[in-house]
Amino acid sequence: MEQNPWTVILNGPQMDWKDDGNLSERFKKWRQEAETKMRLFKVMKCDKEVYTEAIFQWSGAHGQAILNREVPSIISKEANATEAMHKTEREKYENHLAILEKYAQPRGDHIVAFG
């Protein structure tokens, strides 16, 4: 059975950025679920661009705002940040995961989910 990558993306795990003291643990679980889903992309022989688009979509509006702010090549005058991404940056899905992970880590007495 052949599956469309967009079906996988639309049915992927959604990150919950609620700052309740468990953000770091939720991020780890989300990342594990995301990486498991992305194994399907390898089987489907998808370009790395699909991997990065999945991370962008699965990170939700909050994660997308973080990526739009932190990844210089995503910041654009265009309204749609997904279309504005440069291909070379799209292929760096591991960097996107690292940026999101940084925001899910505890900082002192509280967790900084978005500043």
C-alpha atoms as a PDB file:
ATOM      1  CA  MET A   1       0.000   0.000   0.000  1.00  0.00           C
ATOM      2  CA  GLU A   2       1.538   3.281  -1.132  1.00  0.00           C
ATOM      3  CA  GLN A   3       0.999   6.265   1.139  1.00  0.00           C
ATOM      4  CA  ASN A   4       1.134   9.935   0.310  1.00  0.00           C
ATOM      5  CA  PRO A   5       3.608  11.945   2.440  1.00  0.00           C
ATOM      6  CA  TRP A   6       0.945  14.629   2.995  1.00  0.00           C
ATOM      7  CA  THR A   7      -1.296  12.018   4.633  1.00  0.00           C
ATOM      8  CA  VAL A   8       1.521  11.290   7.077  1.00  0.00           C
ATOM      9  CA  ILE A   9       2.083  15.001   7.691  1.00  0.00           C
ATOM     10  CA  LEU A  10      -1.619  15.685   8.263  1.00  0.00           C
ATOM     11  CA  ASN A  11      -1.837  12.796  10.733  1.00  0.00           C
ATOM     12  CA  GLY A  12       1.408  13.547  12.562  1.00  0.00           C
ATOM     13  CA  PRO A  13       1.916  14.340  16.241  1.00  0.00           C
ATOM     14  CA  GLN A  14       1.121  17.895  17.337  1.00  0.00           C
ATOM     15  CA  MET A  15       3.394  19.564  19.874  1.00  0.00           C
ATOM     16  CA  ASP A  16       1.672  20.992  22.950  1.00  0.00           C
ATOM     17  CA  TRP A  17       3.653  24.058  24.107  1.00  0.00           C
ATOM     18  CA  LYS A  18       1.701  24.575  27.350  1.00  0.00           C
ATOM     19  CA  ASP A  19       4.136  25.851  29.997  1.00  0.00           C
ATOM     20  CA  ASP A  20       3.106  23.678  32.942  1.00  0.00           C
ATOM     21  CA  GLY A  21       6.449  22.314  34.122  1.00  0.00           C
ATOM     22  CA  ASN A  22       6.265  19.261  31.827  1.00  0.00           C
ATOM     23  CA  LEU A  23       7.205  20.949  28.554  1.00  0.00           C
ATOM     24  CA  SER A  24      10.610  19.283  28.314  1.00  0.00           C
ATOM     25  CA  GLU A  25       9.122  15.814  28.810  1.00  0.00           C
ATOM     26  CA  ARG A  26       6.308  16.491  26.331  1.00  0.00           C
ATOM     27  CA  PHE A  27       8.869  17.674  23.800  1.00  0.00           C
ATOM     28  CA  LYS A  28      10.892  14.456  24.186  1.00  0.00           C
ATOM     29  CA  LYS A  29       7.755  12.374  23.651  1.00  0.00           C
ATOM     30  CA  TRP A  30       6.694  14.497  20.675  1.00  0.00           C
ATOM     31  CA  ARG A  31      10.155  14.240  19.108  1.00  0.00           C
ATOM     32  CA  GLN A  32      10.156  10.466  19.516  1.00  0.00           C
ATOM     33  CA  GLU A  33       6.710  10.235  17.883  1.00  0.00           C
ATOM     34  CA  ALA A  34       7.810  12.605  15.095  1.00  0.00           C
ATOM     35  CA  GLU A  35      10.977  10.634  14.370  1.00  0.00           C
ATOM     36  CA  THR A  36       8.968   7.404  14.289  1.00  0.00           C
ATOM     37  CA  LYS A  37       6.524   8.928  11.772  1.00  0.00           C
ATOM     38  CA  MET A  38       9.420  10.267   9.691  1.00  0.00           C
ATOM     39  CA  ARG A  39      10.670   6.714   9.172  1.00  0.00           C
ATOM     40  CA  LEU A  40       7.768   6.397   6.733  1.00  0.00           C
ATOM     41  CA  PHE A  41       9.315   9.181   4.656  1.00  0.00           C
ATOM     42  CA  LYS A  42      12.453   7.083   4.238  1.00  0.00           C
ATOM     43  CA  VAL A  43      10.381   4.111   3.068  1.00  0.00           C
ATOM     44  CA  MET A  44       8.530   6.439   0.662  1.00  0.00           C
ATOM     45  CA  LYS A  45      11.908   7.796  -0.544  1.00  0.00           C
ATOM     46  CA  CYS A  46      10.907  11.392   0.181  1.00  0.00           C
ATOM     47  CA  ASP A  47      13.200  14.377  -0.196  1.00  0.00           C
ATOM     48  CA  LYS A  48      14.531  15.949   3.005  1.00  0.00           C
ATOM     49  CA  GLU A  49      12.268  18.906   2.252  1.00  0.00           C
ATOM     50  CA  VAL A  50       9.301  16.729   3.298  1.00  0.00           C
ATOM     51  CA  TYR A  51      10.960  15.955   6.646  1.00  0.00           C
ATOM     52  CA  THR A  52      11.407  19.641   7.417  1.00  0.00           C
ATOM     53  CA  GLU A  53       7.881  20.494   6.322  1.00  0.00           C
ATOM     54  CA  ALA A  54       6.577  17.792   8.671  1.00  0.00           C
ATOM     55  CA  ILE A  55       8.516  19.251  11.617  1.00  0.00           C
ATOM     56  CA  PHE A  56       7.247  22.717  10.722  1.00  0.00           C
ATOM     57  CA  GLN A  57       3.617  21.540  10.579  1.00  0.00           C
ATOM     58  CA  TRP A  58       3.776  19.230  13.621  1.00  0.00           C
ATOM     59  CA  SER A  59       5.348  21.941  15.790  1.00  0.00           C
ATOM     60  CA  GLY A  60       2.075  23.874  15.636  1.00  0.00           C
ATOM     61  CA  ALA A  61       1.577  27.618  15.471  1.00  0.00           C
ATOM     62  CA  HIS A  62       3.802  28.212  18.504  1.00  0.00           C
ATOM     63  CA  GLY A  63       6.650  26.121  17.100  1.00  0.00           C
ATOM     64  CA  GLN A  64       6.267  27.757  13.706  1.00  0.00           C
ATOM     65  CA  ALA A  65       6.591  31.176  15.347  1.00  0.00           C
ATOM     66  CA  ILE A  66       9.792  30.015  17.042  1.00  0.00           C
ATOM     67  CA  LEU A  67      11.209  28.715  13.760  1.00  0.00           C
ATOM     68  CA  ASN A  68      10.175  31.858  11.880  1.00  0.00           C
ATOM     69  CA  ARG A  69      12.042  33.939  14.438  1.00  0.00           C
ATOM     70  CA  GLU A  70      15.105  31.741  14.861  1.00  0.00           C
ATOM     71  CA  VAL A  71      15.866  30.454  11.371  1.00  0.00           C
ATOM     72  CA  PRO A  72      17.170  33.425   9.393  1.00  0.00           C
ATOM     73  CA  SER A  73      16.335  32.097   5.938  1.00  0.00           C
ATOM     74  CA  ILE A  74      12.700  31.519   6.926  1.00  0.00           C
ATOM     75  CA  ILE A  75      12.166  35.149   7.865  1.00  0.00           C
ATOM     76  CA  SER A  76      10.804  36.811   4.769  1.00  0.00           C
ATOM     77  CA  LYS A  77       8.599  39.618   3.574  1.00  0.00           C
ATOM     78  CA  GLU A  78       6.154  37.002   2.288  1.00  0.00           C
ATOM     79  CA  ALA A  79       3.156  36.150   4.460  1.00  0.00           C
ATOM     80  CA  ASN A  80       3.556  32.378   4.052  1.00  0.00           C
ATOM     81  CA  ALA A  81       6.771  31.343   5.817  1.00  0.00           C
ATOM     82  CA  THR A  82       6.580  27.791   4.441  1.00  0.00           C
ATOM     83  CA  GLU A  83       6.792  29.088   0.872  1.00  0.00           C
ATOM     84  CA  ALA A  84       9.498  31.558   1.879  1.00  0.00           C
ATOM     85  CA  MET A  85      11.916  28.895   3.124  1.00  0.00           C
ATOM     86  CA  HIS A  86      14.994  28.370   1.004  1.00  0.00           C
ATOM     87  CA  LYS A  87      15.459  24.791  -0.150  1.00  0.00           C
ATOM     88  CA  THR A  88      18.832  24.433   1.569  1.00  0.00           C
ATOM     89  CA  GLU A  89      17.269  25.446   4.874  1.00  0.00           C
ATOM     90  CA  ARG A  90      14.275  23.169   4.360  1.00  0.00           C
ATOM     91  CA  GLU A  91      16.615  20.229   4.151  1.00  0.00           C
ATOM     92  CA  LYS A  92      17.984  20.948   7.618  1.00  0.00           C
ATOM     93  CA  TYR A  93      15.162  19.364   9.608  1.00  0.00           C
ATOM     94  CA  GLU A  94      17.569  18.280  12.341  1.00  0.00           C
ATOM     95  CA  ASN A  95      18.425  21.952  12.928  1.00  0.00           C
ATOM     96  CA  HIS A  96      14.731  22.736  13.240  1.00  0.00           C
ATOM     97  CA  LEU A  97      14.353  20.019  15.864  1.00  0.00           C
ATOM     98  CA  ALA A  98      17.341  21.404  17.769  1.00  0.00           C
ATOM     99  CA  ILE A  99      15.895  24.944  17.726  1.00  0.00           C
ATOM    100  CA  LEU A 100      12.558  23.698  19.064  1.00  0.00           C
ATOM    101  CA  GLU A 101      14.269  21.544  21.681  1.00  0.00           C
ATOM    102  CA  LYS A 102      16.156  24.580  22.972  1.00  0.00           C
ATOM    103  CA  TYR A 103      12.838  26.308  23.696  1.00  0.00           C
ATOM    104  CA  ALA A 104      11.458  23.260  25.507  1.00  0.00           C
ATOM    105  CA  GLN A 105      14.356  23.018  27.975  1.00  0.00           C
ATOM    106  CA  PRO A 106      14.075  24.196  31.586  1.00  0.00           C
ATOM    107  CA  ARG A 107      15.722  27.550  32.325  1.00  0.00           C
ATOM    108  CA  GLY A 108      16.401  28.184  35.998  1.00  0.00           C
ATOM    109  CA  ASP A 109      13.203  28.047  38.036  1.00  0.00           C
ATOM    110  CA  HIS A 110      10.881  28.083  35.042  1.00  0.00           C
ATOM    111  CA  ILE A 111      10.597  26.828  31.501  1.00  0.00           C
ATOM    112  CA  VAL A 112      10.871  29.249  28.634  1.00  0.00           C
ATOM    113  CA  ALA A 113       8.550  28.058  25.908  1.00  0.00           C
ATOM    114  CA  PHE A 114       8.515  31.264  23.900  1.00  0.00           C
ATOM    115  CA  GLY A 115       9.933  34.612  24.743  1.00  0.00           C
END
